[in-house]
Structures are given as structure tokens and as C-alpha cells.
């Protein structure tokens, strides 16, 4: 179990990386232009849109020197500016995850794995 922990005046707080990934994924899904998280099949090299209950597979959380690094594998909507969507995703996730966890985010990497037309 990978987790991050912090010491407070009342004791130690430990947050599982899966919890951070779940919260970051829900924040990312609120961003305009994000269709969903992408799951990559390493064996076949195929990319598929993940369902909401398994979206954490498209997010990697790592902790180094008490700072978070988040890697998002996303599918974006067709016709939107990838730069604008990425900037929006980074600012929203950085603010909300830092407020939620109390841990500073060092880096957010976004890997656009596909484009999808939204009805």
C-alpha cells in the first residue's frame, strides 16, 4: 500500500494514493473538454475510455520528498484546444487536491491518449 503521511500536533495522518487518485479523477472529470480517463493495454497498445468506477487506473500518484506528482492519461473532446483543456485541468487539480490533502503538488503531467467526439 503506497500512501503519503504528514505529522500534525495531534498525531500522524496517512492518505492512501488510491484516495488521492480517486479525488483527482473526480476533479478532472469536472473540467471542460475532458471526456474521461484512458486505460492503456500495454500488451496490445490499445487505449480505451475507462468507466467512472475504474478511472483511477488512468491516474498515477507518486510521492517524493513529501510532494505529489500526478500523471493523467486522458481522452479529450474533439474540437477543443488541448492547451486550454490542459491548463484548466492543471489549475483545478492543483488547487483542489492541495486543499483536500494538505500536500503540495510538485508536478502534474498530462498524457493525451485520444480524442473523442461528444454527442
PDB file of N, CA and C in Angstrom:
ATOM      1  N   UNK A   1       0.844  -1.184   0.000  1.00  0.00           N
ATOM      2  CA  UNK A   1       0.000   0.000   0.000  1.00  0.00           C
ATOM      3  C   UNK A   1       0.882   1.236   0.000  1.00  0.00           C
ATOM      4  N   UNK A   2       0.786   2.025  -1.031  1.00  0.00           N
ATOM      5  CA  UNK A   2       1.528   3.266  -1.089  1.00  0.00           C
ATOM      6  C   UNK A   2       0.634   4.356  -0.536  1.00  0.00           C
ATOM      7  N   UNK A   3       1.240   5.200   0.275  1.00  0.00           N
ATOM      8  CA  UNK A   3       0.464   6.272   0.867  1.00  0.00           C
ATOM      9  C   UNK A   3       1.381   7.418   1.228  1.00  0.00           C
ATOM     10  N   UNK A   4       0.760   8.547   1.502  1.00  0.00           N
ATOM     11  CA  UNK A   4       1.518   9.713   1.957  1.00  0.00           C
ATOM     12  C   UNK A   4       1.077  10.014   3.374  1.00  0.00           C
ATOM     13  N   UNK A   5       1.993  10.526   4.151  1.00  0.00           N
ATOM     14  CA  UNK A   5       1.647  10.826   5.536  1.00  0.00           C
ATOM     15  C   UNK A   5       2.220  12.175   5.924  1.00  0.00           C
ATOM     16  N   UNK A   6       1.590  12.769   6.929  1.00  0.00           N
ATOM     17  CA  UNK A   6       2.050  14.043   7.459  1.00  0.00           C
ATOM     18  C   UNK A   6       1.851  14.029   8.964  1.00  0.00           C
ATOM     19  N   UNK A   7       2.720  14.721   9.646  1.00  0.00           N
ATOM     20  CA  UNK A   7       2.627  14.821  11.094  1.00  0.00           C
ATOM     21  C   UNK A   7       1.933  16.122  11.472  1.00  0.00           C
ATOM     22  N   UNK A   8       1.018  16.024  12.416  1.00  0.00           N
ATOM     23  CA  UNK A   8       0.355  17.208  12.955  1.00  0.00           C
ATOM     24  C   UNK A   8       0.604  17.242  14.454  1.00  0.00           C
ATOM     25  N   UNK A   9       0.130  18.282  15.090  1.00  0.00           N
ATOM     26  CA  UNK A   9       0.319  18.402  16.537  1.00  0.00           C
ATOM     27  C   UNK A   9      -0.473  17.346  17.312  1.00  0.00           C
ATOM     28  N   UNK A  10      -1.456  16.709  16.662  1.00  0.00           N
ATOM     29  CA  UNK A  10      -2.271  15.713  17.346  1.00  0.00           C
ATOM     30  C   UNK A  10      -1.928  14.283  16.944  1.00  0.00           C
ATOM     31  N   UNK A  11      -1.055  14.114  15.948  1.00  0.00           N
ATOM     32  CA  UNK A  11      -0.706  12.758  15.530  1.00  0.00           C
ATOM     33  C   UNK A  11      -0.324  12.702  14.067  1.00  0.00           C
ATOM     34  N   UNK A  12      -0.354  11.502  13.518  1.00  0.00           N
ATOM     35  CA  UNK A  12       0.071  11.248  12.154  1.00  0.00           C
ATOM     36  C   UNK A  12      -1.156  11.001  11.269  1.00  0.00           C
ATOM     37  N   UNK A  13      -1.164  11.594  10.070  1.00  0.00           N
ATOM     38  CA  UNK A  13      -2.247  11.401   9.105  1.00  0.00           C
ATOM     39  C   UNK A  13      -1.666  10.693   7.890  1.00  0.00           C
ATOM     40  N   UNK A  14      -2.300   9.599   7.472  1.00  0.00           N
ATOM     41  CA  UNK A  14      -1.845   8.845   6.312  1.00  0.00           C
ATOM     42  C   UNK A  14      -2.974   8.806   5.289  1.00  0.00           C
ATOM     43  N   UNK A  15      -2.635   9.161   4.037  1.00  0.00           N
ATOM     44  CA  UNK A  15      -3.615   9.157   2.949  1.00  0.00           C
ATOM     45  C   UNK A  15      -3.136   8.173   1.892  1.00  0.00           C
ATOM     46  N   UNK A  16      -3.973   7.213   1.558  1.00  0.00           N
ATOM     47  CA  UNK A  16      -3.646   6.222   0.535  1.00  0.00           C
ATOM     48  C   UNK A  16      -3.616   6.893  -0.839  1.00  0.00           C
ATOM     49  N   UNK A  17      -2.691   6.474  -1.689  1.00  0.00           N
ATOM     50  CA  UNK A  17      -2.585   7.041  -3.036  1.00  0.00           C
ATOM     51  C   UNK A  17      -3.849   6.823  -3.862  1.00  0.00           C
ATOM     52  N   UNK A  18      -4.549   5.731  -3.600  1.00  0.00           N
ATOM     53  CA  UNK A  18      -5.800   5.452  -4.310  1.00  0.00           C
ATOM     54  C   UNK A  18      -6.854   6.521  -4.008  1.00  0.00           C
ATOM     55  N   UNK A  19      -6.869   7.010  -2.779  1.00  0.00           N
ATOM     56  CA  UNK A  19      -7.814   8.067  -2.389  1.00  0.00           C
ATOM     57  C   UNK A  19      -7.471   9.359  -3.132  1.00  0.00           C
ATOM     58  N   UNK A  20      -6.189   9.679  -3.212  1.00  0.00           N
ATOM     59  CA  UNK A  20      -5.760  10.879  -3.920  1.00  0.00           C
ATOM     60  C   UNK A  20      -6.098  10.764  -5.404  1.00  0.00           C
ATOM     61  N   UNK A  21      -5.868   9.588  -5.985  1.00  0.00           N
ATOM     62  CA  UNK A  21      -6.177   9.370  -7.396  1.00  0.00           C
ATOM     63  C   UNK A  21      -7.672   9.471  -7.658  1.00  0.00           C
ATOM     64  N   UNK A  22      -8.490   8.925  -6.767  1.00  0.00           N
ATOM     65  CA  UNK A  22      -9.942   8.985  -6.937  1.00  0.00           C
ATOM     66  C   UNK A  22     -10.434  10.431  -6.902  1.00  0.00           C
ATOM     67  N   UNK A  23      -9.925  11.200  -5.943  1.00  0.00           N
ATOM     68  CA  UNK A  23     -10.342  12.604  -5.832  1.00  0.00           C
ATOM     69  C   UNK A  23      -9.848  13.410  -7.036  1.00  0.00           C
ATOM     70  N   UNK A  24      -8.584  13.211  -7.427  1.00  0.00           N
ATOM     71  CA  UNK A  24      -8.034  13.929  -8.575  1.00  0.00           C
ATOM     72  C   UNK A  24      -8.807  13.579  -9.845  1.00  0.00           C
ATOM     73  N   UNK A  25      -9.221  12.337  -9.990  1.00  0.00           N
ATOM     74  CA  UNK A  25     -10.006  11.920 -11.145  1.00  0.00           C
ATOM     75  C   UNK A  25     -11.376  12.571 -11.179  1.00  0.00           C
ATOM     76  N   UNK A  26     -12.016  12.689 -10.024  1.00  0.00           N
ATOM     77  CA  UNK A  26     -13.332  13.339  -9.997  1.00  0.00           C
ATOM     78  C   UNK A  26     -13.215  14.826 -10.300  1.00  0.00           C
ATOM     79  N   UNK A  27     -12.130  15.460  -9.846  1.00  0.00           N
ATOM     80  CA  UNK A  27     -11.899  16.875 -10.168  1.00  0.00           C
ATOM     81  C   UNK A  27     -11.627  17.019 -11.664  1.00  0.00           C
ATOM     82  N   UNK A  28     -10.836  16.124 -12.226  1.00  0.00           N
ATOM     83  CA  UNK A  28     -10.512  16.183 -13.653  1.00  0.00           C
ATOM     84  C   UNK A  28     -11.757  16.019 -14.515  1.00  0.00           C
ATOM     85  N   UNK A  29     -12.669  15.162 -14.111  1.00  0.00           N
ATOM     86  CA  UNK A  29     -13.881  14.929 -14.894  1.00  0.00           C
ATOM     87  C   UNK A  29     -14.802  16.148 -14.906  1.00  0.00           C
ATOM     88  N   UNK A  30     -14.637  17.057 -13.947  1.00  0.00           N
ATOM     89  CA  UNK A  30     -15.429  18.289 -13.927  1.00  0.00           C
ATOM     90  C   UNK A  30     -14.914  19.318 -14.931  1.00  0.00           C
ATOM     91  N   UNK A  31     -13.695  19.136 -15.413  1.00  0.00           N
ATOM     92  CA  UNK A  31     -13.076  20.110 -16.315  1.00  0.00           C
ATOM     93  C   UNK A  31     -13.676  20.006 -17.714  1.00  0.00           C
ATOM     94  N   UNK A  32     -13.901  21.159 -18.332  1.00  0.00           N
ATOM     95  CA  UNK A  32     -14.433  21.212 -19.686  1.00  0.00           C
ATOM     96  C   UNK A  32     -13.434  20.602 -20.664  1.00  0.00           C
ATOM     97  N   UNK A  33     -13.918  19.758 -21.561  1.00  0.00           N
ATOM     98  CA  UNK A  33     -13.082  19.183 -22.600  1.00  0.00           C
ATOM     99  C   UNK A  33     -12.517  17.818 -22.276  1.00  0.00           C
ATOM    100  N   UNK A  34     -12.623  17.382 -21.020  1.00  0.00           N
ATOM    101  CA  UNK A  34     -12.138  16.060 -20.648  1.00  0.00           C
ATOM    102  C   UNK A  34     -13.292  15.068 -20.805  1.00  0.00           C
ATOM    103  N   UNK A  35     -13.107  14.092 -21.685  1.00  0.00           N
ATOM    104  CA  UNK A  35     -14.129  13.067 -21.893  1.00  0.00           C
ATOM    105  C   UNK A  35     -14.012  12.002 -20.815  1.00  0.00           C
ATOM    106  N   UNK A  36     -12.783  11.635 -20.465  1.00  0.00           N
ATOM    107  CA  UNK A  36     -12.581  10.625 -19.437  1.00  0.00           C
ATOM    108  C   UNK A  36     -11.116  10.257 -19.327  1.00  0.00           C
ATOM    109  N   UNK A  37     -10.855   9.307 -18.437  1.00  0.00           N
ATOM    110  CA  UNK A  37      -9.504   8.791 -18.252  1.00  0.00           C
ATOM    111  C   UNK A  37      -9.280   7.650 -19.239  1.00  0.00           C
ATOM    112  N   UNK A  38      -8.031   7.485 -19.640  1.00  0.00           N
ATOM    113  CA  UNK A  38      -7.691   6.456 -20.615  1.00  0.00           C
ATOM    114  C   UNK A  38      -6.972   5.308 -19.936  1.00  0.00           C
ATOM    115  N   UNK A  39      -7.373   4.115 -20.287  1.00  0.00           N
ATOM    116  CA  UNK A  39      -6.668   2.914 -19.843  1.00  0.00           C
ATOM    117  C   UNK A  39      -5.873   2.374 -21.013  1.00  0.00           C
ATOM    118  N   UNK A  40      -4.611   2.084 -20.783  1.00  0.00           N
ATOM    119  CA  UNK A  40      -3.743   1.622 -21.862  1.00  0.00           C
ATOM    120  C   UNK A  40      -3.428   0.151 -21.651  1.00  0.00           C
ATOM    121  N   UNK A  41      -3.703  -0.654 -22.661  1.00  0.00           N
ATOM    122  CA  UNK A  41      -3.343  -2.058 -22.635  1.00  0.00           C
ATOM    123  C   UNK A  41      -1.926  -2.175 -23.179  1.00  0.00           C
ATOM    124  N   UNK A  42      -0.987  -2.442 -22.295  1.00  0.00           N
ATOM    125  CA  UNK A  42       0.420  -2.480 -22.680  1.00  0.00           C
ATOM    126  C   UNK A  42       0.679  -3.589 -23.699  1.00  0.00           C
ATOM    127  N   UNK A  43       0.017  -4.702 -23.548  1.00  0.00           N
ATOM    128  CA  UNK A  43       0.234  -5.840 -24.430  1.00  0.00           C
ATOM    129  C   UNK A  43      -0.157  -5.517 -25.873  1.00  0.00           C
ATOM    130  N   UNK A  44      -1.334  -4.914 -26.049  1.00  0.00           N
ATOM    131  CA  UNK A  44      -1.838  -4.622 -27.390  1.00  0.00           C
ATOM    132  C   UNK A  44      -1.564  -3.191 -27.835  1.00  0.00           C
ATOM    133  N   UNK A  45      -1.267  -2.308 -26.894  1.00  0.00           N
ATOM    134  CA  UNK A  45      -1.067  -0.907 -27.226  1.00  0.00           C
ATOM    135  C   UNK A  45      -2.363  -0.170 -27.479  1.00  0.00           C
ATOM    136  N   UNK A  46      -3.470  -0.747 -27.035  1.00  0.00           N
ATOM    137  CA  UNK A  46      -4.775  -0.132 -27.255  1.00  0.00           C
ATOM    138  C   UNK A  46      -5.135   0.806 -26.109  1.00  0.00           C
ATOM    139  N   UNK A  47      -5.847   1.861 -26.451  1.00  0.00           N
ATOM    140  CA  UNK A  47      -6.313   2.834 -25.465  1.00  0.00           C
ATOM    141  C   UNK A  47      -7.821   2.734 -25.413  1.00  0.00           C
ATOM    142  N   UNK A  48      -8.376   2.682 -24.190  1.00  0.00           N
ATOM    143  CA  UNK A  48      -9.833   2.650 -24.076  1.00  0.00           C
ATOM    144  C   UNK A  48     -10.281   3.625 -23.001  1.00  0.00           C
ATOM    145  N   UNK A  49     -11.488   4.106 -23.164  1.00  0.00           N
ATOM    146  CA  UNK A  49     -12.096   5.021 -22.208  1.00  0.00           C
ATOM    147  C   UNK A  49     -12.523   4.232 -20.981  1.00  0.00           C
ATOM    148  N   UNK A  50     -12.066   4.663 -19.812  1.00  0.00           N
ATOM    149  CA  UNK A  50     -12.382   3.957 -18.572  1.00  0.00           C
ATOM    150  C   UNK A  50     -13.723   4.418 -18.018  1.00  0.00           C
ATOM    151  N   UNK A  51     -14.419   3.507 -17.374  1.00  0.00           N
ATOM    152  CA  UNK A  51     -15.671   3.854 -16.692  1.00  0.00           C
ATOM    153  C   UNK A  51     -15.356   4.635 -15.426  1.00  0.00           C
ATOM    154  N   UNK A  52     -16.350   5.306 -14.896  1.00  0.00           N
ATOM    155  CA  UNK A  52     -16.149   6.157 -13.719  1.00  0.00           C
ATOM    156  C   UNK A  52     -15.624   5.383 -12.514  1.00  0.00           C
ATOM    157  N   UNK A  53     -16.021   4.127 -12.347  1.00  0.00           N
ATOM    158  CA  UNK A  53     -15.587   3.367 -11.173  1.00  0.00           C
ATOM    159  C   UNK A  53     -14.147   2.854 -11.291  1.00  0.00           C
ATOM    160  N   UNK A  54     -13.570   2.901 -12.493  1.00  0.00           N
ATOM    161  CA  UNK A  54     -12.183   2.444 -12.637  1.00  0.00           C
ATOM    162  C   UNK A  54     -11.276   3.536 -13.189  1.00  0.00           C
ATOM    163  N   UNK A  55     -11.662   4.791 -13.009  1.00  0.00           N
ATOM    164  CA  UNK A  55     -10.884   5.888 -13.579  1.00  0.00           C
ATOM    165  C   UNK A  55      -9.517   6.052 -12.923  1.00  0.00           C
ATOM    166  N   UNK A  56      -9.323   5.496 -11.730  1.00  0.00           N
ATOM    167  CA  UNK A  56      -8.024   5.649 -11.066  1.00  0.00           C
ATOM    168  C   UNK A  56      -6.916   4.896 -11.800  1.00  0.00           C
ATOM    169  N   UNK A  57      -7.278   3.969 -12.682  1.00  0.00           N
ATOM    170  CA  UNK A  57      -6.257   3.280 -13.469  1.00  0.00           C
ATOM    171  C   UNK A  57      -5.603   4.225 -14.470  1.00  0.00           C
ATOM    172  N   UNK A  58      -6.251   5.336 -14.780  1.00  0.00           N
ATOM    173  CA  UNK A  58      -5.694   6.316 -15.703  1.00  0.00           C
ATOM    174  C   UNK A  58      -4.899   7.408 -15.006  1.00  0.00           C
ATOM    175  N   UNK A  59      -4.721   7.290 -13.696  1.00  0.00           N
ATOM    176  CA  UNK A  59      -4.009   8.297 -12.913  1.00  0.00           C
ATOM    177  C   UNK A  59      -2.933   7.611 -12.086  1.00  0.00           C
ATOM    178  N   UNK A  60      -1.726   8.114 -12.168  1.00  0.00           N
ATOM    179  CA  UNK A  60      -0.625   7.603 -11.353  1.00  0.00           C
ATOM    180  C   UNK A  60      -0.247   8.665 -10.332  1.00  0.00           C
ATOM    181  N   UNK A  61      -0.153   8.258  -9.081  1.00  0.00           N
ATOM    182  CA  UNK A  61       0.221   9.158  -7.998  1.00  0.00           C
ATOM    183  C   UNK A  61       1.552   8.685  -7.424  1.00  0.00           C
ATOM    184  N   UNK A  62       2.499   9.596  -7.320  1.00  0.00           N
ATOM    185  CA  UNK A  62       3.758   9.261  -6.676  1.00  0.00           C
ATOM    186  C   UNK A  62       4.149  10.393  -5.738  1.00  0.00           C
ATOM    187  N   UNK A  63       4.871  10.025  -4.699  1.00  0.00           N
ATOM    188  CA  UNK A  63       5.268  10.981  -3.671  1.00  0.00           C
ATOM    189  C   UNK A  63       6.785  10.959  -3.559  1.00  0.00           C
ATOM    190  N   UNK A  64       7.383  12.151  -3.611  1.00  0.00           N
ATOM    191  CA  UNK A  64       8.821  12.283  -3.481  1.00  0.00           C
ATOM    192  C   UNK A  64       9.107  13.518  -2.626  1.00  0.00           C
ATOM    193  N   UNK A  65       9.792  13.324  -1.513  1.00  0.00           N
ATOM    194  CA  UNK A  65      10.111  14.424  -0.582  1.00  0.00           C
ATOM    195  C   UNK A  65       8.861  15.170  -0.122  1.00  0.00           C
ATOM    196  N   UNK A  66       7.810  14.416   0.205  1.00  0.00           N
ATOM    197  CA  UNK A  66       6.536  14.962   0.679  1.00  0.00           C
ATOM    198  C   UNK A  66       5.873  15.889  -0.332  1.00  0.00           C
ATOM    199  N   UNK A  67       6.106  15.664  -1.616  1.00  0.00           N
ATOM    200  CA  UNK A  67       5.431  16.402  -2.683  1.00  0.00           C
ATOM    201  C   UNK A  67       4.844  15.392  -3.660  1.00  0.00           C
ATOM    202  N   UNK A  68       3.663  15.703  -4.172  1.00  0.00           N
ATOM    203  CA  UNK A  68       2.952  14.802  -5.075  1.00  0.00           C
ATOM    204  C   UNK A  68       3.329  15.052  -6.529  1.00  0.00           C
ATOM    205  N   UNK A  69       3.374  13.993  -7.294  1.00  0.00           N
ATOM    206  CA  UNK A  69       3.443  14.062  -8.744  1.00  0.00           C
ATOM    207  C   UNK A  69       2.272  13.249  -9.276  1.00  0.00           C
ATOM    208  N   UNK A  70       1.451  13.881 -10.121  1.00  0.00           N
ATOM    209  CA  UNK A  70       0.274  13.229 -10.684  1.00  0.00           C
ATOM    210  C   UNK A  70       0.453  13.091 -12.192  1.00  0.00           C
ATOM    211  N   UNK A  71       0.200  11.899 -12.717  1.00  0.00           N
ATOM    212  CA  UNK A  71       0.222  11.641 -14.153  1.00  0.00           C
ATOM    213  C   UNK A  71      -1.187  11.268 -14.589  1.00  0.00           C
ATOM    214  N   UNK A  72      -1.748  12.053 -15.492  1.00  0.00           N
ATOM    215  CA  UNK A  72      -3.092  11.814 -16.015  1.00  0.00           C
ATOM    216  C   UNK A  72      -2.989  11.302 -17.446  1.00  0.00           C
ATOM    217  N   UNK A  73      -3.689  10.209 -17.737  1.00  0.00           N
ATOM    218  CA  UNK A  73      -3.841   9.714 -19.100  1.00  0.00           C
ATOM    219  C   UNK A  73      -5.296   9.981 -19.467  1.00  0.00           C
ATOM    220  N   UNK A  74      -5.511  10.965 -20.348  1.00  0.00           N
ATOM    221  CA  UNK A  74      -6.870  11.444 -20.607  1.00  0.00           C
ATOM    222  C   UNK A  74      -7.251  11.305 -22.070  1.00  0.00           C
ATOM    223  N   UNK A  75      -8.553  11.346 -22.290  1.00  0.00           N
ATOM    224  CA  UNK A  75      -9.128  11.453 -23.620  1.00  0.00           C
ATOM    225  C   UNK A  75      -9.878  12.778 -23.642  1.00  0.00           C
ATOM    226  N   UNK A  76      -9.583  13.607 -24.645  1.00  0.00           N
ATOM    227  CA  UNK A  76     -10.185  14.935 -24.724  1.00  0.00           C
ATOM    228  C   UNK A  76     -11.267  14.963 -25.789  1.00  0.00           C
ATOM    229  N   UNK A  77     -12.113  15.972 -25.699  1.00  0.00           N
ATOM    230  CA  UNK A  77     -13.199  16.142 -26.654  1.00  0.00           C
ATOM    231  C   UNK A  77     -12.650  16.683 -27.976  1.00  0.00           C
ATOM    232  N   UNK A  78     -13.250  16.251 -29.059  1.00  0.00           N
ATOM    233  CA  UNK A  78     -12.853  16.707 -30.386  1.00  0.00           C
ATOM    234  C   UNK A  78     -13.219  18.180 -30.548  1.00  0.00           C
ATOM    235  N   UNK A  79     -12.305  18.967 -31.107  1.00  0.00           N
ATOM    236  CA  UNK A  79     -12.603  20.359 -31.419  1.00  0.00           C
ATOM    237  C   UNK A  79     -12.238  21.356 -30.335  1.00  0.00           C
ATOM    238  N   UNK A  80     -11.732  20.909 -29.218  1.00  0.00           N
ATOM    239  CA  UNK A  80     -11.331  21.830 -28.161  1.00  0.00           C
ATOM    240  C   UNK A  80      -9.818  22.024 -28.211  1.00  0.00           C
ATOM    241  N   UNK A  81      -9.363  23.132 -27.654  1.00  0.00           N
ATOM    242  CA  UNK A  81      -7.932  23.394 -27.592  1.00  0.00           C
ATOM    243  C   UNK A  81      -7.316  22.521 -26.504  1.00  0.00           C
ATOM    244  N   UNK A  82      -6.395  21.666 -26.889  1.00  0.00           N
ATOM    245  CA  UNK A  82      -5.758  20.769 -25.924  1.00  0.00           C
ATOM    246  C   UNK A  82      -4.973  21.577 -24.900  1.00  0.00           C
ATOM    247  N   UNK A  83      -4.346  22.657 -25.328  1.00  0.00           N
ATOM    248  CA  UNK A  83      -3.594  23.512 -24.405  1.00  0.00           C
ATOM    249  C   UNK A  83      -4.520  24.140 -23.362  1.00  0.00           C
ATOM    250  N   UNK A  84      -5.669  24.647 -23.808  1.00  0.00           N
ATOM    251  CA  UNK A  84      -6.611  25.267 -22.871  1.00  0.00           C
ATOM    252  C   UNK A  84      -7.179  24.241 -21.891  1.00  0.00           C
ATOM    253  N   UNK A  85      -7.515  23.056 -22.393  1.00  0.00           N
ATOM    254  CA  UNK A  85      -8.040  21.998 -21.531  1.00  0.00           C
ATOM    255  C   UNK A  85      -6.982  21.572 -20.518  1.00  0.00           C
ATOM    256  N   UNK A  86      -5.750  21.439 -20.965  1.00  0.00           N
ATOM    257  CA  UNK A  86      -4.655  21.029 -20.075  1.00  0.00           C
ATOM    258  C   UNK A  86      -4.387  22.076 -19.005  1.00  0.00           C
ATOM    259  N   UNK A  87      -4.355  23.347 -19.383  1.00  0.00           N
ATOM    260  CA  UNK A  87      -4.149  24.421 -18.404  1.00  0.00           C
ATOM    261  C   UNK A  87      -5.261  24.437 -17.367  1.00  0.00           C
ATOM    262  N   UNK A  88      -6.495  24.264 -17.822  1.00  0.00           N
ATOM    263  CA  UNK A  88      -7.645  24.227 -16.919  1.00  0.00           C
ATOM    264  C   UNK A  88      -7.552  23.038 -15.971  1.00  0.00           C
ATOM    265  N   UNK A  89      -7.199  21.884 -16.503  1.00  0.00           N
ATOM    266  CA  UNK A  89      -7.055  20.670 -15.700  1.00  0.00           C
ATOM    267  C   UNK A  89      -5.968  20.843 -14.648  1.00  0.00           C
ATOM    268  N   UNK A  90      -4.819  21.369 -15.043  1.00  0.00           N
ATOM    269  CA  UNK A  90      -3.711  21.551 -14.107  1.00  0.00           C
ATOM    270  C   UNK A  90      -4.092  22.509 -12.988  1.00  0.00           C
ATOM    271  N   UNK A  91      -4.673  23.652 -13.324  1.00  0.00           N
ATOM    272  CA  UNK A  91      -5.002  24.633 -12.278  1.00  0.00           C
ATOM    273  C   UNK A  91      -6.078  24.109 -11.326  1.00  0.00           C
ATOM    274  N   UNK A  92      -7.130  23.463 -11.863  1.00  0.00           N
ATOM    275  CA  UNK A  92      -8.188  22.937 -10.994  1.00  0.00           C
ATOM    276  C   UNK A  92      -7.684  21.821 -10.089  1.00  0.00           C
ATOM    277  N   UNK A  93      -6.955  20.871 -10.659  1.00  0.00           N
ATOM    278  CA  UNK A  93      -6.467  19.735  -9.876  1.00  0.00           C
ATOM    279  C   UNK A  93      -5.462  20.202  -8.829  1.00  0.00           C
ATOM    280  N   UNK A  94      -4.560  21.075  -9.214  1.00  0.00           N
ATOM    281  CA  UNK A  94      -3.554  21.564  -8.267  1.00  0.00           C
ATOM    282  C   UNK A  94      -4.222  22.235  -7.068  1.00  0.00           C
ATOM    283  N   UNK A  95      -5.145  23.139  -7.334  1.00  0.00           N
ATOM    284  CA  UNK A  95      -5.805  23.850  -6.242  1.00  0.00           C
ATOM    285  C   UNK A  95      -6.615  22.904  -5.351  1.00  0.00           C
ATOM    286  N   UNK A  96      -7.475  22.106  -5.969  1.00  0.00           N
ATOM    287  CA  UNK A  96      -8.391  21.275  -5.184  1.00  0.00           C
ATOM    288  C   UNK A  96      -7.697  20.125  -4.458  1.00  0.00           C
ATOM    289  N   UNK A  97      -6.722  19.479  -5.084  1.00  0.00           N
ATOM    290  CA  UNK A  97      -6.029  18.368  -4.422  1.00  0.00           C
ATOM    291  C   UNK A  97      -5.150  18.886  -3.288  1.00  0.00           C
ATOM    292  N   UNK A  98      -4.497  20.022  -3.487  1.00  0.00           N
ATOM    293  CA  UNK A  98      -3.696  20.597  -2.392  1.00  0.00           C
ATOM    294  C   UNK A  98      -4.585  20.991  -1.221  1.00  0.00           C
ATOM    295  N   UNK A  99      -5.771  21.543  -1.495  1.00  0.00           N
ATOM    296  CA  UNK A  99      -6.706  21.883  -0.421  1.00  0.00           C
ATOM    297  C   UNK A  99      -7.228  20.628   0.274  1.00  0.00           C
ATOM    298  N   UNK A 100      -7.498  19.585  -0.494  1.00  0.00           N
ATOM    299  CA  UNK A 100      -8.055  18.345   0.035  1.00  0.00           C
ATOM    300  C   UNK A 100      -7.051  17.586   0.900  1.00  0.00           C
ATOM    301  N   UNK A 101      -5.803  17.494   0.421  1.00  0.00           N
ATOM    302  CA  UNK A 101      -4.818  16.663   1.115  1.00  0.00           C
ATOM    303  C   UNK A 101      -3.891  17.444   2.034  1.00  0.00           C
ATOM    304  N   UNK A 102      -3.662  18.713   1.739  1.00  0.00           N
ATOM    305  CA  UNK A 102      -2.689  19.482   2.504  1.00  0.00           C
ATOM    306  C   UNK A 102      -1.259  19.178   2.085  1.00  0.00           C
ATOM    307  N   UNK A 103      -1.095  18.488   0.953  1.00  0.00           N
ATOM    308  CA  UNK A 103       0.232  18.130   0.437  1.00  0.00           C
ATOM    309  C   UNK A 103       0.475  18.929  -0.842  1.00  0.00           C
ATOM    310  N   UNK A 104       1.651  19.505  -0.958  1.00  0.00           N
ATOM    311  CA  UNK A 104       1.996  20.305  -2.126  1.00  0.00           C
ATOM    312  C   UNK A 104       2.172  19.413  -3.352  1.00  0.00           C
ATOM    313  N   UNK A 105       1.687  19.891  -4.495  1.00  0.00           N
ATOM    314  CA  UNK A 105       1.864  19.176  -5.756  1.00  0.00           C
ATOM    315  C   UNK A 105       3.073  19.759  -6.461  1.00  0.00           C
ATOM    316  N   UNK A 106       4.036  18.895  -6.729  1.00  0.00           N
ATOM    317  CA  UNK A 106       5.255  19.324  -7.401  1.00  0.00           C
ATOM    318  C   UNK A 106       5.053  19.394  -8.910  1.00  0.00           C
ATOM    319  N   UNK A 107       4.355  18.387  -9.472  1.00  0.00           N
ATOM    320  CA  UNK A 107       4.231  18.301 -10.919  1.00  0.00           C
ATOM    321  C   UNK A 107       2.960  17.570 -11.305  1.00  0.00           C
ATOM    322  N   UNK A 108       2.331  18.041 -12.383  1.00  0.00           N
ATOM    323  CA  UNK A 108       1.183  17.356 -12.980  1.00  0.00           C
ATOM    324  C   UNK A 108       1.516  17.131 -14.447  1.00  0.00           C
ATOM    325  N   UNK A 109       1.571  15.877 -14.850  1.00  0.00           N
ATOM    326  CA  UNK A 109       1.844  15.516 -16.244  1.00  0.00           C
ATOM    327  C   UNK A 109       0.545  15.043 -16.883  1.00  0.00           C
ATOM    328  N   UNK A 110       0.268  15.537 -18.080  1.00  0.00           N
ATOM    329  CA  UNK A 110      -0.940  15.143 -18.793  1.00  0.00           C
ATOM    330  C   UNK A 110      -0.532  14.459 -20.097  1.00  0.00           C
ATOM    331  N   UNK A 111      -1.014  13.238 -20.262  1.00  0.00           N
ATOM    332  CA  UNK A 111      -0.770  12.478 -21.482  1.00  0.00           C
ATOM    333  C   UNK A 111      -2.102  12.342 -22.208  1.00  0.00           C
ATOM    334  N   UNK A 112      -2.244  13.010 -23.352  1.00  0.00           N
ATOM    335  CA  UNK A 112      -3.476  12.921 -24.140  1.00  0.00           C
ATOM    336  C   UNK A 112      -3.368  11.652 -24.972  1.00  0.00           C
ATOM    337  N   UNK A 113      -4.212  10.685 -24.648  1.00  0.00           N
ATOM    338  CA  UNK A 113      -4.161   9.375 -25.293  1.00  0.00           C
ATOM    339  C   UNK A 113      -5.151   9.222 -26.432  1.00  0.00           C
ATOM    340  N   UNK A 114      -6.077  10.174 -26.563  1.00  0.00           N
ATOM    341  CA  UNK A 114      -7.044  10.066 -27.633  1.00  0.00           C
ATOM    342  C   UNK A 114      -7.973  11.262 -27.691  1.00  0.00           C
ATOM    343  N   UNK A 115      -8.735  11.311 -28.779  1.00  0.00           N
ATOM    344  CA  UNK A 115      -9.733  12.361 -28.993  1.00  0.00           C
ATOM    345  C   UNK A 115     -11.046  11.667 -29.289  1.00  0.00           C
ATOM    346  N   UNK A 116     -12.105  12.181 -28.713  1.00  0.00           N
ATOM    347  CA  UNK A 116     -13.400  11.550 -28.883  1.00  0.00           C
ATOM    348  C   UNK A 116     -14.455  12.603 -29.200  1.00  0.00           C
ATOM    349  N   UNK A 117     -15.368  12.309 -30.114  1.00  0.00           N
ATOM    350  CA  UNK A 117     -16.468  13.203 -30.445  1.00  0.00           C
ATOM    351  C   UNK A 117     -17.550  13.012 -29.400  1.00  0.00           C
ATOM    352  N   UNK A 118     -18.016  14.123 -28.833  1.00  0.00           N
ATOM    353  CA  UNK A 118     -19.068  14.066 -27.819  1.00  0.00           C
ATOM    354  C   UNK A 118     -20.398  14.402 -28.471  1.00  0.00           C
ATOM    355  N   UNK A 119     -21.433  13.653 -28.144  1.00  0.00           N
ATOM    356  CA  UNK A 119     -22.781  13.910 -28.686  1.00  0.00           C
ATOM    357  C   UNK A 119     -23.396  15.134 -28.070  1.00  0.00           C
TER     358      UNK A 119
END
